[in-house]
């Protein structure tokens, strides 16, 4: 399932309209993203989802990969089991939340989800 999500999600690459006008944002083609993952520059979306599902449950409904000011970032939208939509911004290199975007209260990093 994650591989299907990865393929579908990588096709959704586009600019995030609300980014600061001063930020240098780069949009990538699918083959460029695959090369970054292959080179170990960034985590795959599949690996990133595995990390976040340890503390935040939900179904992926949207994903974007950006390079902003020389940092790689995944912006994800998850639909939780209760129907609530949450947004996460994660460092694409290590899967951790970006400093400017803390983990939503619906997700707790110390929460252990048993699968």
N, C-alpha and C. Protein backbone atom coordinates (compact mmCIF):
# COMPACT_ATOMS: atom_id res chain seq x y z
N UNK A 1 0.81 -1.19 0.00
CA UNK A 1 0.00 0.00 0.00
C UNK A 1 0.86 1.26 0.00
N UNK A 2 1.94 1.26 0.81
CA UNK A 2 2.78 2.45 0.87
C UNK A 2 3.43 2.73 -0.48
N UNK A 3 3.78 1.66 -1.22
CA UNK A 3 4.40 1.88 -2.53
C UNK A 3 3.40 2.54 -3.48
N UNK A 4 2.12 2.15 -3.40
CA UNK A 4 1.11 2.81 -4.22
C UNK A 4 0.96 4.27 -3.82
N UNK A 5 0.98 4.51 -2.51
CA UNK A 5 0.89 5.88 -2.01
C UNK A 5 2.09 6.68 -2.48
N UNK A 6 3.28 6.07 -2.45
CA UNK A 6 4.49 6.75 -2.87
C UNK A 6 4.37 7.17 -4.33
N UNK A 7 3.95 6.26 -5.18
CA UNK A 7 3.83 6.57 -6.60
C UNK A 7 2.80 7.66 -6.82
N UNK A 8 1.64 7.53 -6.18
CA UNK A 8 0.58 8.54 -6.35
C UNK A 8 1.01 9.87 -5.76
N UNK A 9 1.61 9.84 -4.60
CA UNK A 9 1.96 11.07 -3.91
C UNK A 9 3.06 11.84 -4.62
N UNK A 10 4.02 11.13 -5.17
CA UNK A 10 5.10 11.83 -5.86
C UNK A 10 4.58 12.52 -7.11
N UNK A 11 3.47 12.04 -7.65
CA UNK A 11 2.85 12.70 -8.79
C UNK A 11 2.18 14.00 -8.40
N UNK A 12 2.03 14.24 -7.10
CA UNK A 12 1.34 15.44 -6.62
C UNK A 12 2.29 16.61 -6.36
N UNK A 13 3.54 16.50 -6.78
CA UNK A 13 4.51 17.56 -6.50
C UNK A 13 4.06 18.88 -7.12
N UNK A 14 4.00 19.91 -6.30
CA UNK A 14 3.67 21.25 -6.78
C UNK A 14 4.06 22.26 -5.73
N UNK A 15 3.96 23.51 -6.07
CA UNK A 15 4.29 24.55 -5.09
C UNK A 15 3.21 24.66 -4.05
N UNK A 16 3.58 24.96 -2.83
CA UNK A 16 2.66 25.19 -1.73
C UNK A 16 2.39 26.69 -1.70
N UNK A 17 1.16 27.09 -2.04
CA UNK A 17 0.83 28.48 -2.29
C UNK A 17 1.11 29.42 -1.12
N UNK A 18 1.05 28.93 0.09
CA UNK A 18 1.21 29.83 1.22
C UNK A 18 2.65 30.01 1.69
N UNK A 19 3.63 29.48 0.93
CA UNK A 19 5.02 29.67 1.33
C UNK A 19 5.40 31.14 1.23
N UNK A 20 6.28 31.54 2.08
CA UNK A 20 6.77 32.92 2.08
C UNK A 20 7.35 33.27 0.71
N UNK A 21 7.07 34.48 0.27
CA UNK A 21 7.56 34.91 -1.03
C UNK A 21 9.08 35.02 -1.06
N UNK A 22 9.73 35.10 0.12
CA UNK A 22 11.19 35.19 0.15
C UNK A 22 11.85 33.82 0.08
N UNK A 23 11.10 32.76 0.32
CA UNK A 23 11.68 31.42 0.32
C UNK A 23 11.95 30.96 -1.11
N UNK A 24 13.09 30.34 -1.33
CA UNK A 24 13.39 29.75 -2.62
C UNK A 24 12.84 28.33 -2.63
N UNK A 25 11.77 28.12 -3.38
CA UNK A 25 11.10 26.84 -3.41
C UNK A 25 11.34 26.18 -4.76
N UNK A 26 11.70 24.89 -4.74
CA UNK A 26 11.99 24.16 -5.96
C UNK A 26 11.01 23.01 -6.09
N UNK A 27 10.43 22.87 -7.26
CA UNK A 27 9.54 21.75 -7.57
C UNK A 27 10.33 20.75 -8.42
N UNK A 28 10.18 19.46 -8.11
CA UNK A 28 10.95 18.44 -8.79
C UNK A 28 10.08 17.53 -9.64
N UNK A 29 10.69 16.93 -10.63
CA UNK A 29 10.05 15.91 -11.44
C UNK A 29 10.20 14.56 -10.72
N UNK A 30 9.33 13.63 -11.06
CA UNK A 30 9.32 12.31 -10.41
C UNK A 30 10.69 11.63 -10.46
N UNK A 31 11.34 11.65 -11.64
CA UNK A 31 12.64 10.97 -11.75
C UNK A 31 13.71 11.64 -10.90
N UNK A 32 13.61 12.96 -10.67
CA UNK A 32 14.55 13.64 -9.80
C UNK A 32 14.37 13.20 -8.35
N UNK A 33 13.12 13.02 -7.95
CA UNK A 33 12.83 12.57 -6.58
C UNK A 33 13.38 11.16 -6.38
N UNK A 34 13.15 10.29 -7.34
CA UNK A 34 13.66 8.93 -7.25
C UNK A 34 15.18 8.92 -7.10
N UNK A 35 15.86 9.81 -7.81
CA UNK A 35 17.32 9.87 -7.73
C UNK A 35 17.77 10.35 -6.36
N UNK A 36 17.07 11.33 -5.78
CA UNK A 36 17.41 11.81 -4.43
C UNK A 36 17.28 10.69 -3.40
N UNK A 37 16.22 9.88 -3.53
CA UNK A 37 16.02 8.75 -2.62
C UNK A 37 17.12 7.72 -2.84
N UNK A 38 17.39 7.40 -4.09
CA UNK A 38 18.42 6.41 -4.42
C UNK A 38 19.80 6.82 -3.90
N UNK A 39 20.10 8.12 -3.99
CA UNK A 39 21.39 8.64 -3.51
C UNK A 39 21.46 8.76 -1.99
N UNK A 40 20.33 8.59 -1.31
CA UNK A 40 20.31 8.72 0.14
C UNK A 40 20.22 10.17 0.61
N UNK A 41 19.90 11.08 -0.30
CA UNK A 41 19.79 12.50 0.05
C UNK A 41 18.56 12.74 0.91
N UNK A 42 17.46 12.06 0.57
CA UNK A 42 16.21 12.17 1.33
C UNK A 42 15.65 10.78 1.59
N UNK A 43 14.75 10.70 2.56
CA UNK A 43 14.01 9.47 2.81
C UNK A 43 12.92 9.33 1.76
N UNK A 44 12.56 8.11 1.45
CA UNK A 44 11.41 7.91 0.58
C UNK A 44 10.15 8.30 1.35
N UNK A 45 9.10 8.56 0.63
CA UNK A 45 7.83 8.86 1.29
C UNK A 45 7.38 7.67 2.12
N UNK A 46 7.61 6.48 1.62
CA UNK A 46 7.27 5.25 2.34
C UNK A 46 7.97 5.19 3.70
N UNK A 47 9.27 5.46 3.71
CA UNK A 47 10.03 5.45 4.97
C UNK A 47 9.55 6.56 5.91
N UNK A 48 9.26 7.72 5.35
CA UNK A 48 8.77 8.84 6.16
C UNK A 48 7.43 8.50 6.80
N UNK A 49 6.54 7.87 6.05
CA UNK A 49 5.24 7.47 6.61
C UNK A 49 5.41 6.43 7.71
N UNK A 50 6.36 5.52 7.55
CA UNK A 50 6.63 4.53 8.59
C UNK A 50 7.03 5.22 9.89
N UNK A 51 7.85 6.25 9.79
CA UNK A 51 8.29 7.00 10.97
C UNK A 51 7.11 7.71 11.63
N UNK A 52 6.31 8.44 10.85
CA UNK A 52 5.24 9.22 11.48
C UNK A 52 4.12 8.34 12.00
N UNK A 53 3.90 7.18 11.40
CA UNK A 53 2.84 6.30 11.89
C UNK A 53 3.18 5.70 13.25
N UNK A 54 4.39 5.89 13.73
CA UNK A 54 4.75 5.46 15.08
C UNK A 54 4.07 6.33 16.12
N UNK A 55 3.73 7.55 15.77
CA UNK A 55 3.11 8.46 16.74
C UNK A 55 1.88 9.20 16.21
N UNK A 56 1.54 8.99 14.95
CA UNK A 56 0.39 9.71 14.40
C UNK A 56 -0.32 8.80 13.39
N UNK A 57 -1.52 8.38 13.75
CA UNK A 57 -2.24 7.48 12.85
C UNK A 57 -3.03 8.29 11.83
N UNK A 58 -3.30 7.68 10.72
CA UNK A 58 -4.11 8.33 9.70
C UNK A 58 -3.74 7.84 8.32
N UNK A 59 -4.63 8.13 7.39
CA UNK A 59 -4.44 7.75 5.99
C UNK A 59 -3.91 8.95 5.23
N UNK A 60 -2.87 8.74 4.45
CA UNK A 60 -2.30 9.81 3.65
C UNK A 60 -3.29 10.25 2.58
N UNK A 61 -3.58 11.54 2.54
CA UNK A 61 -4.47 12.04 1.48
C UNK A 61 -3.77 13.03 0.55
N UNK A 62 -2.62 13.57 0.96
CA UNK A 62 -1.88 14.49 0.09
C UNK A 62 -0.44 14.57 0.56
N UNK A 63 0.48 14.72 -0.39
CA UNK A 63 1.90 14.82 -0.06
C UNK A 63 2.60 15.68 -1.09
N UNK A 64 3.51 16.50 -0.60
CA UNK A 64 4.32 17.35 -1.47
C UNK A 64 5.75 17.33 -0.95
N UNK A 65 6.70 17.35 -1.87
CA UNK A 65 8.11 17.44 -1.52
C UNK A 65 8.64 18.74 -2.06
N UNK A 66 9.32 19.50 -1.22
CA UNK A 66 9.88 20.79 -1.60
C UNK A 66 11.32 20.90 -1.16
N UNK A 67 12.05 21.71 -1.88
CA UNK A 67 13.34 22.18 -1.39
C UNK A 67 13.15 23.65 -1.10
N UNK A 68 13.22 24.00 0.17
CA UNK A 68 13.02 25.37 0.61
C UNK A 68 14.31 25.84 1.28
N UNK A 69 14.92 26.87 0.69
CA UNK A 69 16.17 27.40 1.25
C UNK A 69 17.18 26.29 1.55
N UNK A 70 17.40 25.42 0.59
CA UNK A 70 18.38 24.32 0.68
C UNK A 70 18.02 23.23 1.67
N UNK A 71 16.78 23.18 2.14
CA UNK A 71 16.31 22.11 3.03
C UNK A 71 15.18 21.36 2.34
N UNK A 72 15.21 20.03 2.44
CA UNK A 72 14.15 19.21 1.84
C UNK A 72 13.04 19.02 2.85
N UNK A 73 11.78 19.17 2.40
CA UNK A 73 10.64 19.07 3.30
C UNK A 73 9.48 18.34 2.62
N UNK A 74 8.86 17.43 3.38
CA UNK A 74 7.59 16.82 2.98
C UNK A 74 6.48 17.55 3.71
N UNK A 75 5.48 18.01 2.98
CA UNK A 75 4.25 18.52 3.58
C UNK A 75 3.20 17.46 3.33
N UNK A 76 2.66 16.90 4.42
CA UNK A 76 1.71 15.80 4.33
C UNK A 76 0.38 16.18 4.94
N UNK A 77 -0.67 15.60 4.40
CA UNK A 77 -2.00 15.74 4.97
C UNK A 77 -2.51 14.33 5.26
N UNK A 78 -2.93 14.11 6.50
CA UNK A 78 -3.43 12.81 6.92
C UNK A 78 -4.88 12.95 7.39
N UNK A 79 -5.65 11.93 7.08
CA UNK A 79 -7.02 11.87 7.61
C UNK A 79 -7.01 10.84 8.73
N UNK A 80 -7.30 11.30 9.93
CA UNK A 80 -7.28 10.42 11.09
C UNK A 80 -8.54 9.56 11.12
N UNK A 81 -8.51 8.48 11.90
CA UNK A 81 -9.66 7.57 11.98
C UNK A 81 -10.96 8.29 12.37
N UNK A 82 -10.87 9.38 13.13
CA UNK A 82 -12.08 10.11 13.53
C UNK A 82 -12.54 11.10 12.45
N UNK A 83 -11.84 11.12 11.30
CA UNK A 83 -12.22 11.98 10.19
C UNK A 83 -11.51 13.33 10.17
N UNK A 84 -10.79 13.65 11.22
CA UNK A 84 -10.09 14.93 11.29
C UNK A 84 -8.90 14.93 10.34
N UNK A 85 -8.69 16.06 9.64
CA UNK A 85 -7.56 16.23 8.74
C UNK A 85 -6.45 16.97 9.49
N UNK A 86 -5.25 16.43 9.43
CA UNK A 86 -4.11 17.10 10.06
C UNK A 86 -3.02 17.33 9.02
N UNK A 87 -2.25 18.37 9.24
CA UNK A 87 -1.14 18.72 8.35
C UNK A 87 0.17 18.56 9.09
N UNK A 88 1.14 17.96 8.42
CA UNK A 88 2.47 17.78 9.00
C UNK A 88 3.51 18.28 8.01
N UNK A 89 4.50 18.98 8.51
CA UNK A 89 5.67 19.37 7.72
C UNK A 89 6.86 18.65 8.33
N UNK A 90 7.51 17.82 7.52
CA UNK A 90 8.59 16.98 8.01
C UNK A 90 9.86 17.19 7.22
N UNK A 91 10.98 17.12 7.91
CA UNK A 91 12.28 17.16 7.28
C UNK A 91 12.40 15.89 6.44
N UNK A 92 12.61 16.02 5.14
CA UNK A 92 12.67 14.86 4.25
C UNK A 92 13.97 14.07 4.40
N UNK A 93 14.94 14.62 5.10
CA UNK A 93 16.20 13.93 5.32
C UNK A 93 16.10 12.95 6.48
N UNK A 94 15.38 13.34 7.55
CA UNK A 94 15.32 12.48 8.74
C UNK A 94 13.90 12.12 9.20
N UNK A 95 12.87 12.66 8.55
CA UNK A 95 11.49 12.32 8.90
C UNK A 95 10.95 13.02 10.14
N UNK A 96 11.72 13.93 10.71
CA UNK A 96 11.29 14.63 11.92
C UNK A 96 10.55 15.92 11.57
N UNK A 97 9.64 16.36 12.44
CA UNK A 97 8.92 17.61 12.19
C UNK A 97 9.88 18.79 12.03
N UNK A 98 9.55 19.69 11.10
CA UNK A 98 10.38 20.89 10.95
C UNK A 98 10.14 21.81 12.13
N UNK A 99 11.15 22.56 12.50
CA UNK A 99 11.11 23.41 13.68
C UNK A 99 9.95 24.40 13.64
N UNK A 100 9.68 24.99 12.47
CA UNK A 100 8.64 25.99 12.34
C UNK A 100 7.23 25.41 12.41
N UNK A 101 7.10 24.10 12.38
CA UNK A 101 5.79 23.46 12.34
C UNK A 101 5.74 22.31 13.36
N UNK A 102 5.38 22.63 14.59
CA UNK A 102 5.36 21.58 15.62
C UNK A 102 4.31 20.50 15.31
N UNK A 103 4.46 19.38 15.98
CA UNK A 103 3.52 18.27 15.81
C UNK A 103 2.14 18.70 16.32
N UNK A 104 1.09 18.46 15.53
CA UNK A 104 -0.27 18.80 16.01
C UNK A 104 -0.59 18.05 17.30
N UNK A 105 -1.47 18.63 18.09
CA UNK A 105 -1.83 18.02 19.37
C UNK A 105 -2.48 16.65 19.19
N UNK A 106 -3.03 16.38 18.01
CA UNK A 106 -3.64 15.08 17.74
C UNK A 106 -2.60 13.97 17.63
N UNK A 107 -1.35 14.34 17.45
CA UNK A 107 -0.25 13.39 17.35
C UNK A 107 0.71 13.64 18.50
N UNK A 108 1.19 12.60 19.10
CA UNK A 108 2.15 12.73 20.18
C UNK A 108 3.36 11.90 19.84
N UNK A 109 4.54 12.53 19.87
CA UNK A 109 5.75 11.81 19.49
C UNK A 109 6.07 10.68 20.43
N UNK A 110 5.64 10.74 21.68
CA UNK A 110 5.95 9.65 22.60
C UNK A 110 4.86 8.57 22.57
N UNK A 111 3.83 8.75 21.76
CA UNK A 111 2.75 7.77 21.66
C UNK A 111 3.24 6.57 20.85
N UNK A 112 2.97 5.39 21.30
CA UNK A 112 3.35 4.17 20.62
C UNK A 112 2.09 3.56 20.01
N UNK A 113 2.11 3.39 18.70
CA UNK A 113 0.98 2.79 18.01
C UNK A 113 1.37 1.37 17.67
N UNK A 114 0.57 0.41 18.11
CA UNK A 114 0.84 -0.98 17.84
C UNK A 114 0.14 -1.38 16.56
N UNK A 115 0.86 -1.96 15.65
CA UNK A 115 0.28 -2.35 14.35
C UNK A 115 0.41 -3.85 14.19
